[in-house]
PDB file of N, CA and C in Angstrom:
ATOM      1  N   MET A   1      55.198 140.516 156.279  1.00  0.00           N
ATOM      2  CA  MET A   1      55.359 141.951 156.158  1.00  0.00           C
ATOM      3  C   MET A   1      54.266 142.573 155.309  1.00  0.00           C
ATOM      4  N   ASP A   2      53.778 141.813 154.335  1.00  0.00           N
ATOM      5  CA  ASP A   2      52.725 142.330 153.471  1.00  0.00           C
ATOM      6  C   ASP A   2      51.463 142.637 154.284  1.00  0.00           C
ATOM      7  N   THR A   3      51.158 141.788 155.248  1.00  0.00           N
ATOM      8  CA  THR A   3      49.985 142.005 156.100  1.00  0.00           C
ATOM      9  C   THR A   3      50.180 143.254 156.954  1.00  0.00           C
ATOM     10  N   LEU A   4      51.368 143.420 157.515  1.00  0.00           N
ATOM     11  CA  LEU A   4      51.666 144.603 158.323  1.00  0.00           C
ATOM     12  C   LEU A   4      51.533 145.872 157.495  1.00  0.00           C
ATOM     13  N   GLU A   5      52.012 145.827 156.257  1.00  0.00           N
ATOM     14  CA  GLU A   5      51.891 146.983 155.365  1.00  0.00           C
ATOM     15  C   GLU A   5      50.424 147.341 155.141  1.00  0.00           C
ATOM     16  N   LYS A   6      49.603 146.342 154.900  1.00  0.00           N
ATOM     17  CA  LYS A   6      48.182 146.596 154.649  1.00  0.00           C
ATOM     18  C   LYS A   6      47.471 147.119 155.898  1.00  0.00           C
ATOM     19  N   VAL A   7      47.811 146.580 157.060  1.00  0.00           N
ATOM     20  CA  VAL A   7      47.215 147.052 158.313  1.00  0.00           C
ATOM     21  C   VAL A   7      47.603 148.507 158.563  1.00  0.00           C
ATOM     22  N   LEU A   8      48.872 148.830 158.355  1.00  0.00           N
ATOM     23  CA  LEU A   8      49.321 150.214 158.549  1.00  0.00           C
ATOM     24  C   LEU A   8      48.662 151.162 157.555  1.00  0.00           C
ATOM     25  N   LEU A   9      48.473 150.711 156.323  1.00  0.00           N
ATOM     26  CA  LEU A   9      47.794 151.544 155.334  1.00  0.00           C
ATOM     27  C   LEU A   9      46.344 151.811 155.756  1.00  0.00           C
ATOM     28  N   ILE A  10      45.675 150.798 156.271  1.00  0.00           N
ATOM     29  CA  ILE A  10      44.298 150.969 156.756  1.00  0.00           C
ATOM     30  C   ILE A  10      44.263 151.942 157.922  1.00  0.00           C
ATOM     31  N   VAL A  11      45.189 151.794 158.863  1.00  0.00           N
ATOM     32  CA  VAL A  11      45.259 152.714 160.011  1.00  0.00           C
ATOM     33  C   VAL A  11      45.513 154.138 159.518  1.00  0.00           C
ATOM     34  N   HIS A  12      46.393 154.281 158.529  1.00  0.00           N
ATOM     35  CA  HIS A  12      46.700 155.594 157.965  1.00  0.00           C
ATOM     36  C   HIS A  12      45.455 156.222 157.346  1.00  0.00           C
ATOM     37  N   LEU A  13      44.685 155.426 156.616  1.00  0.00           N
ATOM     38  CA  LEU A  13      43.456 155.919 155.995  1.00  0.00           C
ATOM     39  C   LEU A  13      42.390 156.260 157.041  1.00  0.00           C
ATOM     40  N   VAL A  14      42.323 155.484 158.099  1.00  0.00           N
ATOM     41  CA  VAL A  14      41.386 155.801 159.188  1.00  0.00           C
ATOM     42  C   VAL A  14      41.780 157.116 159.847  1.00  0.00           C
ATOM     43  N   GLY A  15      43.078 157.350 160.006  1.00  0.00           N
ATOM     44  CA  GLY A  15      43.556 158.627 160.547  1.00  0.00           C
ATOM     45  C   GLY A  15      43.140 159.789 159.669  1.00  0.00           C
ATOM     46  N   PHE A  16      43.280 159.617 158.353  1.00  0.00           N
ATOM     47  CA  PHE A  16      42.827 160.658 157.425  1.00  0.00           C
ATOM     48  C   PHE A  16      41.327 160.889 157.556  1.00  0.00           C
ATOM     49  N   ALA A  17      40.572 159.806 157.619  1.00  0.00           N
ATOM     50  CA  ALA A  17      39.116 159.925 157.721  1.00  0.00           C
ATOM     51  C   ALA A  17      38.719 160.682 158.992  1.00  0.00           C
ATOM     52  N   ALA A  18      39.400 160.399 160.092  1.00  0.00           N
ATOM     53  CA  ALA A  18      39.098 161.095 161.350  1.00  0.00           C
ATOM     54  C   ALA A  18      39.442 162.579 161.244  1.00  0.00           C
ATOM     55  N   LEU A  19      40.604 162.878 160.681  1.00  0.00           N
ATOM     56  CA  LEU A  19      41.042 164.269 160.552  1.00  0.00           C
ATOM     57  C   LEU A  19      40.136 165.045 159.610  1.00  0.00           C
ATOM     58  N   PHE A  20      39.934 164.521 158.425  1.00  0.00           N
ATOM     59  CA  PHE A  20      39.113 165.218 157.429  1.00  0.00           C
ATOM     60  C   PHE A  20      37.641 165.252 157.845  1.00  0.00           C
ATOM     61  N   GLY A  21      37.138 164.123 158.328  1.00  0.00           N
ATOM     62  CA  GLY A  21      35.741 164.067 158.763  1.00  0.00           C
ATOM     63  C   GLY A  21      35.474 164.959 159.959  1.00  0.00           C
ATOM     64  N   GLY A  22      36.421 164.979 160.897  1.00  0.00           N
ATOM     65  CA  GLY A  22      36.276 165.850 162.072  1.00  0.00           C
ATOM     66  C   GLY A  22      36.208 167.313 161.693  1.00  0.00           C
ATOM     67  N   ALA A  23      36.946 167.686 160.663  1.00  0.00           N
ATOM     68  CA  ALA A  23      36.894 169.066 160.178  1.00  0.00           C
ATOM     69  C   ALA A  23      35.616 169.312 159.372  1.00  0.00           C
ATOM     70  N   ALA A  24      35.256 168.340 158.548  1.00  0.00           N
ATOM     71  CA  ALA A  24      34.096 168.522 157.669  1.00  0.00           C
ATOM     72  C   ALA A  24      32.789 168.708 158.445  1.00  0.00           C
ATOM     73  N   VAL A  25      32.634 167.999 159.550  1.00  0.00           N
ATOM     74  CA  VAL A  25      31.380 168.120 160.301  1.00  0.00           C
ATOM     75  C   VAL A  25      31.223 169.496 160.933  1.00  0.00           C
ATOM     76  N   GLN A  26      32.304 170.225 161.026  1.00  0.00           N
ATOM     77  CA  GLN A  26      32.222 171.547 161.650  1.00  0.00           C
ATOM     78  C   GLN A  26      31.943 172.669 160.663  1.00  0.00           C
ATOM     79  N   LEU A  27      31.969 172.373 159.403  1.00  0.00           N
ATOM     80  CA  LEU A  27      31.826 173.429 158.404  1.00  0.00           C
ATOM     81  C   LEU A  27      30.519 174.194 158.536  1.00  0.00           C
ATOM     82  N   ARG A  28      29.512 173.582 159.098  1.00  0.00           N
ATOM     83  CA  ARG A  28      28.227 174.270 159.264  1.00  0.00           C
ATOM     84  C   ARG A  28      28.130 175.020 160.593  1.00  0.00           C
ATOM     85  N   ASP A  29      29.102 174.802 161.492  1.00  0.00           N
ATOM     86  CA  ASP A  29      29.074 175.443 162.805  1.00  0.00           C
ATOM     87  C   ASP A  29      29.629 176.859 162.755  1.00  0.00           C
ATOM     88  N   ARG A  30      29.212 177.661 163.697  1.00  0.00           N
ATOM     89  CA  ARG A  30      29.702 179.030 163.797  1.00  0.00           C
ATOM     90  C   ARG A  30      31.104 179.060 164.395  1.00  0.00           C
ATOM     91  N   ASP A  31      31.314 178.301 165.469  1.00  0.00           N
ATOM     92  CA  ASP A  31      32.611 178.269 166.137  1.00  0.00           C
ATOM     93  C   ASP A  31      33.402 177.049 165.672  1.00  0.00           C
ATOM     94  N   LEU A  32      34.472 177.299 164.944  1.00  0.00           N
ATOM     95  CA  LEU A  32      35.322 176.232 164.440  1.00  0.00           C
ATOM     96  C   LEU A  32      36.406 175.933 165.465  1.00  0.00           C
ATOM     97  N   VAL A  33      36.589 174.653 165.782  1.00  0.00           N
ATOM     98  CA  VAL A  33      37.567 174.229 166.786  1.00  0.00           C
ATOM     99  C   VAL A  33      38.331 173.012 166.267  1.00  0.00           C
ATOM    100  N   VAL A  34      39.405 172.684 166.975  1.00  0.00           N
ATOM    101  CA  VAL A  34      40.085 171.411 166.732  1.00  0.00           C
ATOM    102  C   VAL A  34      39.402 170.405 167.644  1.00  0.00           C
ATOM    103  N   ASN A  35      38.624 169.507 167.063  1.00  0.00           N
ATOM    104  CA  ASN A  35      37.948 168.517 167.882  1.00  0.00           C
ATOM    105  C   ASN A  35      38.840 167.296 168.091  1.00  0.00           C
ATOM    106  N   THR A  36      38.387 166.387 168.908  1.00  0.00           N
ATOM    107  CA  THR A  36      39.180 165.199 169.249  1.00  0.00           C
ATOM    108  C   THR A  36      39.485 164.346 168.022  1.00  0.00           C
ATOM    109  N   ALA A  37      38.532 164.215 167.130  1.00  0.00           N
ATOM    110  CA  ALA A  37      38.764 163.415 165.924  1.00  0.00           C
ATOM    111  C   ALA A  37      39.890 164.008 165.087  1.00  0.00           C
ATOM    112  N   MET A  38      39.918 165.319 164.958  1.00  0.00           N
ATOM    113  CA  MET A  38      40.984 165.962 164.193  1.00  0.00           C
ATOM    114  C   MET A  38      42.344 165.748 164.851  1.00  0.00           C
ATOM    115  N   LEU A  39      42.403 165.929 166.152  1.00  0.00           N
ATOM    116  CA  LEU A  39      43.668 165.794 166.871  1.00  0.00           C
ATOM    117  C   LEU A  39      44.223 164.383 166.765  1.00  0.00           C
ATOM    118  N   TYR A  40      43.406 163.397 167.099  1.00  0.00           N
ATOM    119  CA  TYR A  40      43.890 162.019 167.054  1.00  0.00           C
ATOM    120  C   TYR A  40      44.088 161.521 165.625  1.00  0.00           C
ATOM    121  N   GLY A  41      43.303 162.034 164.690  1.00  0.00           N
ATOM    122  CA  GLY A  41      43.509 161.683 163.290  1.00  0.00           C
ATOM    123  C   GLY A  41      44.851 162.182 162.787  1.00  0.00           C
ATOM    124  N   ALA A  42      45.214 163.408 163.157  1.00  0.00           N
ATOM    125  CA  ALA A  42      46.497 163.969 162.727  1.00  0.00           C
ATOM    126  C   ALA A  42      47.665 163.189 163.325  1.00  0.00           C
ATOM    127  N   ILE A  43      47.568 162.846 164.594  1.00  0.00           N
ATOM    128  CA  ILE A  43      48.629 162.077 165.246  1.00  0.00           C
ATOM    129  C   ILE A  43      48.729 160.689 164.634  1.00  0.00           C
ATOM    130  N   THR A  44      47.591 160.064 164.379  1.00  0.00           N
ATOM    131  CA  THR A  44      47.565 158.740 163.760  1.00  0.00           C
ATOM    132  C   THR A  44      48.208 158.777 162.385  1.00  0.00           C
ATOM    133  N   GLN A  45      47.939 159.818 161.626  1.00  0.00           N
ATOM    134  CA  GLN A  45      48.523 159.943 160.289  1.00  0.00           C
ATOM    135  C   GLN A  45      50.046 160.006 160.352  1.00  0.00           C
ATOM    136  N   VAL A  46      50.579 160.802 161.255  1.00  0.00           N
ATOM    137  CA  VAL A  46      52.040 160.946 161.355  1.00  0.00           C
ATOM    138  C   VAL A  46      52.684 159.625 161.762  1.00  0.00           C
ATOM    139  N   VAL A  47      52.172 159.024 162.833  1.00  0.00           N
ATOM    140  CA  VAL A  47      52.784 157.792 163.347  1.00  0.00           C
ATOM    141  C   VAL A  47      52.650 156.650 162.346  1.00  0.00           C
ATOM    142  N   SER A  48      51.456 156.443 161.809  1.00  0.00           N
ATOM    143  CA  SER A  48      51.272 155.331 160.870  1.00  0.00           C
ATOM    144  C   SER A  48      52.030 155.568 159.572  1.00  0.00           C
ATOM    145  N   GLY A  49      52.155 156.808 159.145  1.00  0.00           N
ATOM    146  CA  GLY A  49      52.914 157.114 157.936  1.00  0.00           C
ATOM    147  C   GLY A  49      54.388 156.790 158.093  1.00  0.00           C
ATOM    148  N   ILE A  50      54.961 157.160 159.237  1.00  0.00           N
ATOM    149  CA  ILE A  50      56.367 156.837 159.504  1.00  0.00           C
ATOM    150  C   ILE A  50      56.566 155.332 159.544  1.00  0.00           C
ATOM    151  N   LEU A  51      55.676 154.626 160.236  1.00  0.00           N
ATOM    152  CA  LEU A  51      55.797 153.170 160.317  1.00  0.00           C
ATOM    153  C   LEU A  51      55.621 152.511 158.955  1.00  0.00           C
ATOM    154  N   LEU A  52      54.710 153.040 158.161  1.00  0.00           N
ATOM    155  CA  LEU A  52      54.466 152.479 156.834  1.00  0.00           C
ATOM    156  C   LEU A  52      55.693 152.620 155.934  1.00  0.00           C
ATOM    157  N   VAL A  53      56.325 153.773 155.950  1.00  0.00           N
ATOM    158  CA  VAL A  53      57.540 153.960 155.156  1.00  0.00           C
ATOM    159  C   VAL A  53      58.644 153.039 155.671  1.00  0.00           C
ATOM    160  N   GLY A  54      58.731 152.866 156.985  1.00  0.00           N
ATOM    161  CA  GLY A  54      59.719 151.947 157.543  1.00  0.00           C
ATOM    162  C   GLY A  54      59.508 150.519 157.075  1.00  0.00           C
ATOM    163  N   VAL A  55      58.277 150.089 157.033  1.00  0.00           N
ATOM    164  CA  VAL A  55      57.973 148.732 156.551  1.00  0.00           C
ATOM    165  C   VAL A  55      58.319 148.606 155.068  1.00  0.00           C
ATOM    166  N   LEU A  56      57.998 149.623 154.287  1.00  0.00           N
ATOM    167  CA  LEU A  56      58.334 149.588 152.860  1.00  0.00           C
ATOM    168  C   LEU A  56      59.847 149.524 152.664  1.00  0.00           C
ATOM    169  N   GLU A  57      60.582 150.294 153.444  1.00  0.00           N
ATOM    170  CA  GLU A  57      62.054 150.258 153.360  1.00  0.00           C
ATOM    171  C   GLU A  57      62.571 148.871 153.726  1.00  0.00           C
ATOM    172  N   GLY A  58      61.968 148.246 154.702  1.00  0.00           N
ATOM    173  CA  GLY A  58      62.386 146.920 155.137  1.00  0.00           C
ATOM    174  C   GLY A  58      62.130 145.837 154.099  1.00  0.00           C
ATOM    175  N   GLN A  59      61.205 146.109 153.186  1.00  0.00           N
ATOM    176  CA  GLN A  59      60.887 145.145 152.128  1.00  0.00           C
ATOM    177  C   GLN A  59      61.695 145.404 150.863  1.00  0.00           C
ATOM    178  N   ASP A  60      62.627 146.309 150.922  1.00  0.00           N
ATOM    179  CA  ASP A  60      63.424 146.692 149.756  1.00  0.00           C
ATOM    180  C   ASP A  60      62.566 147.196 148.601  1.00  0.00           C
ATOM    181  N   VAL A  61      61.494 147.877 148.932  1.00  0.00           N
ATOM    182  CA  VAL A  61      60.644 148.512 147.931  1.00  0.00           C
ATOM    183  C   VAL A  61      61.251 149.878 147.620  1.00  0.00           C
ATOM    184  N   ALA A  62      61.242 150.273 146.364  1.00  0.00           N
ATOM    185  CA  ALA A  62      61.742 151.590 145.995  1.00  0.00           C
ATOM    186  C   ALA A  62      60.832 152.659 146.593  1.00  0.00           C
ATOM    187  N   VAL A  63      61.393 153.465 147.468  1.00  0.00           N
ATOM    188  CA  VAL A  63      60.625 154.498 148.169  1.00  0.00           C
ATOM    189  C   VAL A  63      61.082 155.860 147.672  1.00  0.00           C
ATOM    190  N   ASP A  64      60.131 156.711 147.298  1.00  0.00           N
ATOM    191  CA  ASP A  64      60.430 158.067 146.863  1.00  0.00           C
ATOM    192  C   ASP A  64      60.584 158.932 148.114  1.00  0.00           C
ATOM    193  N   ASN A  65      61.829 159.105 148.555  1.00  0.00           N
ATOM    194  CA  ASN A  65      62.082 159.821 149.806  1.00  0.00           C
ATOM    195  C   ASN A  65      61.644 161.275 149.755  1.00  0.00           C
ATOM    196  N   ALA A  66      61.736 161.904 148.587  1.00  0.00           N
ATOM    197  CA  ALA A  66      61.293 163.292 148.466  1.00  0.00           C
ATOM    198  C   ALA A  66      59.787 163.396 148.713  1.00  0.00           C
ATOM    199  N   LYS A  67      59.033 162.508 148.092  1.00  0.00           N
ATOM    200  CA  LYS A  67      57.578 162.512 148.255  1.00  0.00           C
ATOM    201  C   LYS A  67      57.196 162.305 149.723  1.00  0.00           C
ATOM    202  N   TYR A  68      57.785 161.277 150.330  1.00  0.00           N
ATOM    203  CA  TYR A  68      57.433 160.984 151.716  1.00  0.00           C
ATOM    204  C   TYR A  68      57.961 162.034 152.681  1.00  0.00           C
ATOM    205  N   GLY A  69      59.046 162.685 152.311  1.00  0.00           N
ATOM    206  CA  GLY A  69      59.543 163.790 153.127  1.00  0.00           C
ATOM    207  C   GLY A  69      58.586 164.969 153.120  1.00  0.00           C
ATOM    208  N   VAL A  70      58.065 165.291 151.933  1.00  0.00           N
ATOM    209  CA  VAL A  70      57.087 166.381 151.820  1.00  0.00           C
ATOM    210  C   VAL A  70      55.815 166.017 152.563  1.00  0.00           C
ATOM    211  N   LYS A  71      55.355 164.782 152.388  1.00  0.00           N
ATOM    212  CA  LYS A  71      54.144 164.341 153.090  1.00  0.00           C
ATOM    213  C   LYS A  71      54.333 164.409 154.607  1.00  0.00           C
ATOM    214  N   LEU A  72      55.507 163.999 155.081  1.00  0.00           N
ATOM    215  CA  LEU A  72      55.774 164.058 156.519  1.00  0.00           C
ATOM    216  C   LEU A  72      55.784 165.498 157.010  1.00  0.00           C
ATOM    217  N   ALA A  73      56.404 166.388 156.249  1.00  0.00           N
ATOM    218  CA  ALA A  73      56.450 167.794 156.658  1.00  0.00           C
ATOM    219  C   ALA A  73      55.041 168.382 156.760  1.00  0.00           C
ATOM    220  N   VAL A  74      54.207 168.111 155.756  1.00  0.00           N
ATOM    221  CA  VAL A  74      52.830 168.623 155.771  1.00  0.00           C
ATOM    222  C   VAL A  74      52.050 168.014 156.935  1.00  0.00           C
ATOM    223  N   ALA A  75      52.198 166.710 157.135  1.00  0.00           N
ATOM    224  CA  ALA A  75      51.482 166.039 158.227  1.00  0.00           C
ATOM    225  C   ALA A  75      51.925 166.562 159.586  1.00  0.00           C
ATOM    226  N   LEU A  76      53.220 166.845 159.740  1.00  0.00           N
ATOM    227  CA  LEU A  76      53.706 167.397 161.010  1.00  0.00           C
ATOM    228  C   LEU A  76      53.153 168.795 161.252  1.00  0.00           C
ATOM    229  N   VAL A  77      53.076 169.600 160.207  1.00  0.00           N
ATOM    230  CA  VAL A  77      52.495 170.941 160.360  1.00  0.00           C
ATOM    231  C   VAL A  77      51.043 170.829 160.805  1.00  0.00           C
ATOM    232  N   VAL A  78      50.291 169.946 160.169  1.00  0.00           N
ATOM    233  CA  VAL A  78      48.886 169.748 160.544  1.00  0.00           C
ATOM    234  C   VAL A  78      48.778 169.267 161.985  1.00  0.00           C
ATOM    235  N   ALA A  79      49.593 168.289 162.357  1.00  0.00           N
ATOM    236  CA  ALA A  79      49.545 167.748 163.719  1.00  0.00           C
ATOM    237  C   ALA A  79      49.904 168.813 164.753  1.00  0.00           C
ATOM    238  N   VAL A  80      50.920 169.604 164.467  1.00  0.00           N
ATOM    239  CA  VAL A  80      51.320 170.663 165.408  1.00  0.00           C
ATOM    240  C   VAL A  80      50.226 171.720 165.514  1.00  0.00           C
ATOM    241  N   LEU A  81      49.647 172.115 164.390  1.00  0.00           N
ATOM    242  CA  LEU A  81      48.558 173.099 164.433  1.00  0.00           C
ATOM    243  C   LEU A  81      47.373 172.568 165.247  1.00  0.00           C
ATOM    244  N   CYS A  82      47.062 171.299 165.067  1.00  0.00           N
ATOM    245  CA  CYS A  82      45.963 170.708 165.840  1.00  0.00           C
ATOM    246  C   CYS A  82      46.322 170.648 167.321  1.00  0.00           C
ATOM    247  N   TRP A  83      47.543 170.236 167.631  1.00  0.00           N
ATOM    248  CA  TRP A  83      47.966 170.089 169.026  1.00  0.00           C
ATOM    249  C   TRP A  83      47.981 171.442 169.754  1.00  0.00           C
ATOM    250  N   VAL A  84      48.569 172.447 169.123  1.00  0.00           N
ATOM    251  CA  VAL A  84      48.707 173.761 169.756  1.00  0.00           C
ATOM    252  C   VAL A  84      47.350 174.428 169.963  1.00  0.00           C
ATOM    253  N   ASN A  85      46.423 174.194 169.058  1.00  0.00           N
ATOM    254  CA  ASN A  85      45.128 174.881 169.113  1.00  0.00           C
ATOM    255  C   ASN A  85      44.000 174.022 169.657  1.00  0.00           C
ATOM    256  N   ARG A  86      44.321 172.869 170.239  1.00  0.00           N
ATOM    257  CA  ARG A  86      43.285 171.935 170.682  1.00  0.00           C
ATOM    258  C   ARG A  86      42.414 172.465 171.809  1.00  0.00           C
ATOM    259  N   ALA A  87      42.938 173.347 172.628  1.00  0.00           N
ATOM    260  CA  ALA A  87      42.184 173.827 173.785  1.00  0.00           C
ATOM    261  C   ALA A  87      41.458 175.147 173.528  1.00  0.00           C
ATOM    262  N   LYS A  88      41.651 175.729 172.373  1.00  0.00           N
ATOM    263  CA  LYS A  88      41.008 177.012 172.082  1.00  0.00           C
ATOM    264  C   LYS A  88      39.515 176.812 171.859  1.00  0.00           C
ATOM    265  N   GLU A  89      38.753 177.751 172.368  1.00  0.00           N
ATOM    266  CA  GLU A  89      37.303 177.672 172.218  1.00  0.00           C
ATOM    267  C   GLU A  89      36.847 178.003 170.809  1.00  0.00           C
ATOM    268  N   ARG A  90      37.694 178.738 170.091  1.00  0.00           N
ATOM    269  CA  ARG A  90      37.340 179.114 168.715  1.00  0.00           C
ATOM    270  C   ARG A  90      38.623 179.388 167.944  1.00  0.00           C
ATOM    271  N   LEU A  91      38.715 178.814 166.756  1.00  0.00           N
ATOM    272  CA  LEU A  91      39.869 179.059 165.891  1.00  0.00           C
ATOM    273  C   LEU A  91      39.542 180.180 164.910  1.00  0.00           C
ATOM    274  N   PRO A  92      40.555 180.948 164.531  1.00  0.00           N
ATOM    275  CA  PRO A  92      40.328 181.873 163.419  1.00  0.00           C
ATOM    276  C   PRO A  92      39.954 181.067 162.170  1.00  0.00           C
ATOM    277  N   THR A  93      39.058 181.589 161.403  1.00  0.00           N
ATOM    278  CA  THR A  93      38.560 180.875 160.230  1.00  0.00           C
ATOM    279  C   THR A  93      39.693 180.472 159.293  1.00  0.00           C
ATOM    280  N   GLY A  94      40.641 181.374 159.078  1.00  0.00           N
ATOM    281  CA  GLY A  94      41.752 181.090 158.176  1.00  0.00           C
ATOM    282  C   GLY A  94      42.603 179.928 158.652  1.00  0.00           C
ATOM    283  N   LEU A  95      42.820 179.838 159.952  1.00  0.00           N
ATOM    284  CA  LEU A  95      43.619 178.744 160.502  1.00  0.00           C
ATOM    285  C   LEU A  95      42.898 177.408 160.327  1.00  0.00           C
ATOM    286  N   PHE A  96      41.625 177.406 160.591  1.00  0.00           N
ATOM    287  CA  PHE A  96      40.846 176.176 160.421  1.00  0.00           C
ATOM    288  C   PHE A  96      40.898 175.709 158.963  1.00  0.00           C
ATOM    289  N   TYR A  97      40.680 176.639 158.038  1.00  0.00           N
ATOM    290  CA  TYR A  97      40.702 176.265 156.623  1.00  0.00           C
ATOM    291  C   TYR A  97      42.107 175.908 156.150  1.00  0.00           C
ATOM    292  N   ALA A  98      43.133 176.462 156.793  1.00  0.00           N
ATOM    293  CA  ALA A  98      44.509 176.075 156.469  1.00  0.00           C
ATOM    294  C   ALA A  98      44.750 174.618 156.852  1.00  0.00           C
ATOM    295  N   ILE A  99      44.258 174.206 158.008  1.00  0.00           N
ATOM    296  CA  ILE A  99      44.378 172.810 158.425  1.00  0.00           C
ATOM    297  C   ILE A  99      43.658 171.907 157.431  1.00  0.00           C
ATOM    298  N   LEU A 100      42.470 172.285 157.047  1.00  0.00           N
ATOM    299  CA  LEU A 100      41.696 171.501 156.081  1.00  0.00           C
ATOM    300  C   LEU A 100      42.391 171.459 154.713  1.00  0.00           C
ATOM    301  N   ALA A 101      42.929 172.590 154.274  1.00  0.00           N
ATOM    302  CA  ALA A 101      43.620 172.648 152.978  1.00  0.00           C
ATOM    303  C   ALA A 101      44.906 171.820 152.994  1.00  0.00           C
ATOM    304  N   LEU A 102      45.667 171.880 154.082  1.00  0.00           N
ATOM    305  CA  LEU A 102      46.897 171.087 154.175  1.00  0.00           C
ATOM    306  C   LEU A 102      46.585 169.590 154.207  1.00  0.00           C
ATOM    307  N   THR A 103      45.507 169.234 154.867  1.00  0.00           N
ATOM    308  CA  THR A 103      45.085 167.835 154.896  1.00  0.00           C
ATOM    309  C   THR A 103      44.731 167.361 153.490  1.00  0.00           C
ATOM    310  N   THR A 104      44.003 168.182 152.770  1.00  0.00           N
ATOM    311  CA  THR A 104      43.647 167.851 151.392  1.00  0.00           C
ATOM    312  C   THR A 104      44.889 167.820 150.498  1.00  0.00           C
ATOM    313  N   ALA A 105      45.797 168.747 150.697  1.00  0.00           N
ATOM    314  CA  ALA A 105      47.033 168.774 149.912  1.00  0.00           C
ATOM    315  C   ALA A 105      47.845 167.500 150.128  1.00  0.00           C
ATOM    316  N   ASN A 106      47.850 166.994 151.349  1.00  0.00           N
ATOM    317  CA  ASN A 106      48.613 165.779 151.638  1.00  0.00           C
ATOM    318  C   ASN A 106      48.036 164.580 150.879  1.00  0.00           C
ATOM    319  N   VAL A 107      46.735 164.523 150.758  1.00  0.00           N
ATOM    320  CA  VAL A 107      46.110 163.449 149.981  1.00  0.00           C
ATOM    321  C   VAL A 107      46.448 163.613 148.502  1.00  0.00           C
ATOM    322  N   LEU A 108      46.407 164.835 148.019  1.00  0.00           N
ATOM    323  CA  LEU A 108      46.746 165.078 146.619  1.00  0.00           C
ATOM    324  C   LEU A 108      48.195 164.701 146.322  1.00  0.00           C
ATOM    325  N   ILE A 109      49.097 164.990 147.251  1.00  0.00           N
ATOM    326  CA  ILE A 109      50.499 164.593 147.086  1.00  0.00           C
ATOM    327  C   ILE A 109      50.592 163.083 147.019  1.00  0.00           C
ATOM    328  N   ALA A 110      49.890 162.396 147.900  1.00  0.00           N
ATOM    329  CA  ALA A 110      49.948 160.931 147.943  1.00  0.00           C
ATOM    330  C   ALA A 110      49.448 160.309 146.642  1.00  0.00           C
ATOM    331  N   VAL A 111      48.405 160.877 146.090  1.00  0.00           N
ATOM    332  CA  VAL A 111      47.764 160.267 144.925  1.00  0.00           C
ATOM    333  C   VAL A 111      48.394 160.717 143.610  1.00  0.00           C
ATOM    334  N   LEU A 112      48.711 162.001 143.498  1.00  0.00           N
ATOM    335  CA  LEU A 112      49.124 162.547 142.209  1.00  0.00           C
ATOM    336  C   LEU A 112      50.627 162.559 141.974  1.00  0.00           C
ATOM    337  N   TRP A 113      51.424 162.563 143.032  1.00  0.00           N
ATOM    338  CA  TRP A 113      52.886 162.576 142.862  1.00  0.00           C
ATOM    339  C   TRP A 113      53.327 161.177 142.476  1.00  0.00           C
ATOM    340  N   THR A 114      53.826 161.037 141.265  1.00  0.00           N
ATOM    341  CA  THR A 114      54.254 159.719 140.798  1.00  0.00           C
ATOM    342  C   THR A 114      55.741 159.609 140.645  1.00  0.00           C
TER     343      THR A 114
END
């Protein structure tokens, strides 16, 4: 189970890298969009996060359900925003930055919430 936990954590981090990196590369562009990296990164984050918490629960590790509930809610909002706006040729600037800010907030929750 320890190996599965580590693999899921790596997949979760790769999902974050795709989501955040996909958004970051567009910061210099005029037309901001939800690119494929952002979409699949957001979906990867949600799925791997749920599986990771399930594995932790299966190992009888003390899990902070409030923390993971908040993280799941934020990740679902990001995933839904990416999914709904994936076909748009241009996103409003505020919406794009909201996706980026929520993604950053989710990392801050993961690291700083003890």
